[in-house]
Amino acid sequence: MARDYKKEYEKYHGTESYKKDRASRNNVRRKALRDGKVKKHSKMDIDHKNGNPRDNRMSNLRIVHRSVNRAKH
């Protein structure tokens, strides 16, 4: 059975809460790029320690390899 991307977007990726979470993650990534903490095309991710993507306090953020960050979920 083929994946229905349109339905998936409507049910999950297109919701307001998901859009706000994604925007918050993007803002943190851009700030880390400006501050020189990560580089473009590096294999590093910005990890939210408590799992809340809208909690962008510096004490809640850490820079980890993407395999570590994506494996924890």
C-alpha atoms as a PDB file:
ATOM      1  CA  MET A   1       0.000   0.000   0.000  1.00  0.00           C
ATOM      2  CA  ALA A   2       1.376   3.386  -0.987  1.00  0.00           C
ATOM      3  CA  ARG A   3       1.787   6.174   1.520  1.00  0.00           C
ATOM      4  CA  ASP A   4      -0.815   8.943   1.271  1.00  0.00           C
ATOM      5  CA  TYR A   5       1.272  12.074   1.773  1.00  0.00           C
ATOM      6  CA  LYS A   6      -1.607  14.479   1.260  1.00  0.00           C
ATOM      7  CA  LYS A   7      -3.667  12.841   3.977  1.00  0.00           C
ATOM      8  CA  GLU A   8      -0.621  12.687   6.264  1.00  0.00           C
ATOM      9  CA  TYR A   9      -0.018  16.426   5.810  1.00  0.00           C
ATOM     10  CA  GLU A  10      -3.648  17.279   6.512  1.00  0.00           C
ATOM     11  CA  LYS A  11      -3.826  15.140   9.655  1.00  0.00           C
ATOM     12  CA  TYR A  12      -0.441  15.916  11.159  1.00  0.00           C
ATOM     13  CA  HIS A  13       2.109  18.132   9.411  1.00  0.00           C
ATOM     14  CA  GLY A  14      -0.418  20.795   8.478  1.00  0.00           C
ATOM     15  CA  THR A  15      -1.830  21.360  11.953  1.00  0.00           C
ATOM     16  CA  GLU A  16      -1.205  24.662  13.708  1.00  0.00           C
ATOM     17  CA  SER A  17       0.617  23.091  16.661  1.00  0.00           C
ATOM     18  CA  TYR A  18       2.987  21.187  14.371  1.00  0.00           C
ATOM     19  CA  LYS A  19       3.708  24.352  12.361  1.00  0.00           C
ATOM     20  CA  LYS A  20       4.533  26.277  15.548  1.00  0.00           C
ATOM     21  CA  ASP A  21       6.811  23.479  16.776  1.00  0.00           C
ATOM     22  CA  ARG A  22       8.626  23.396  13.418  1.00  0.00           C
ATOM     23  CA  ALA A  23       9.014  27.191  13.375  1.00  0.00           C
ATOM     24  CA  SER A  24      10.479  27.114  16.878  1.00  0.00           C
ATOM     25  CA  ARG A  25      12.993  24.415  15.896  1.00  0.00           C
ATOM     26  CA  ASN A  26      13.974  26.413  12.809  1.00  0.00           C
ATOM     27  CA  ASN A  27      14.499  29.579  14.876  1.00  0.00           C
ATOM     28  CA  VAL A  28      16.840  27.794  17.278  1.00  0.00           C
ATOM     29  CA  ARG A  29      18.807  26.289  14.392  1.00  0.00           C
ATOM     30  CA  ARG A  30      19.189  29.695  12.697  1.00  0.00           C
ATOM     31  CA  LYS A  31      20.345  31.285  15.962  1.00  0.00           C
ATOM     32  CA  ALA A  32      22.945  28.543  16.460  1.00  0.00           C
ATOM     33  CA  LEU A  33      24.180  29.108  12.899  1.00  0.00           C
ATOM     34  CA  ARG A  34      24.504  32.864  13.499  1.00  0.00           C
ATOM     35  CA  ASP A  35      26.342  32.291  16.787  1.00  0.00           C
ATOM     36  CA  GLY A  36      28.750  29.838  15.154  1.00  0.00           C
ATOM     37  CA  LYS A  37      27.723  26.886  17.321  1.00  0.00           C
ATOM     38  CA  VAL A  38      26.875  24.740  14.278  1.00  0.00           C
ATOM     39  CA  LYS A  39      27.745  24.944  10.610  1.00  0.00           C
ATOM     40  CA  LYS A  40      25.646  24.387   7.530  1.00  0.00           C
ATOM     41  CA  HIS A  41      25.612  20.765   6.384  1.00  0.00           C
ATOM     42  CA  SER A  42      27.159  19.583   9.638  1.00  0.00           C
ATOM     43  CA  LYS A  43      25.797  16.379  11.110  1.00  0.00           C
ATOM     44  CA  MET A  44      24.888  18.108  14.352  1.00  0.00           C
ATOM     45  CA  ASP A  45      21.376  18.742  15.672  1.00  0.00           C
ATOM     46  CA  ILE A  46      20.024  21.053  18.336  1.00  0.00           C
ATOM     47  CA  ASP A  47      18.516  18.816  21.002  1.00  0.00           C
ATOM     48  CA  HIS A  48      15.747  19.967  23.323  1.00  0.00           C
ATOM     49  CA  LYS A  49      16.552  18.100  26.539  1.00  0.00           C
ATOM     50  CA  ASN A  50      12.975  18.054  27.810  1.00  0.00           C
ATOM     51  CA  GLY A  51      11.505  17.182  24.396  1.00  0.00           C
ATOM     52  CA  ASN A  52       9.480  20.400  24.130  1.00  0.00           C
ATOM     53  CA  PRO A  53      10.445  22.146  20.859  1.00  0.00           C
ATOM     54  CA  ARG A  54       8.996  25.464  22.020  1.00  0.00           C
ATOM     55  CA  ASP A  55      11.172  25.584  25.151  1.00  0.00           C
ATOM     56  CA  ASN A  56      14.193  27.388  23.704  1.00  0.00           C
ATOM     57  CA  ARG A  57      15.971  28.298  26.925  1.00  0.00           C
ATOM     58  CA  MET A  58      19.733  27.854  26.600  1.00  0.00           C
ATOM     59  CA  SER A  59      19.681  25.501  29.602  1.00  0.00           C
ATOM     60  CA  ASN A  60      17.304  23.216  27.675  1.00  0.00           C
ATOM     61  CA  LEU A  61      19.368  23.096  24.479  1.00  0.00           C
ATOM     62  CA  ARG A  62      22.442  21.089  23.573  1.00  0.00           C
ATOM     63  CA  ILE A  63      24.268  20.313  20.375  1.00  0.00           C
ATOM     64  CA  VAL A  64      24.549  16.598  19.644  1.00  0.00           C
ATOM     65  CA  HIS A  65      25.239  14.405  16.648  1.00  0.00           C
ATOM     66  CA  ARG A  66      22.080  13.778  14.674  1.00  0.00           C
ATOM     67  CA  SER A  67      22.264   9.998  15.164  1.00  0.00           C
ATOM     68  CA  VAL A  68      22.147  10.528  18.953  1.00  0.00           C
ATOM     69  CA  ASN A  69      19.292  13.041  18.795  1.00  0.00           C
ATOM     70  CA  ARG A  70      17.123  11.052  16.414  1.00  0.00           C
ATOM     71  CA  ALA A  71      17.719   7.729  18.157  1.00  0.00           C
ATOM     72  CA  LYS A  72      16.404   8.993  21.492  1.00  0.00           C
ATOM     73  CA  HIS A  73      12.883   9.416  20.128  1.00  0.00           C
END
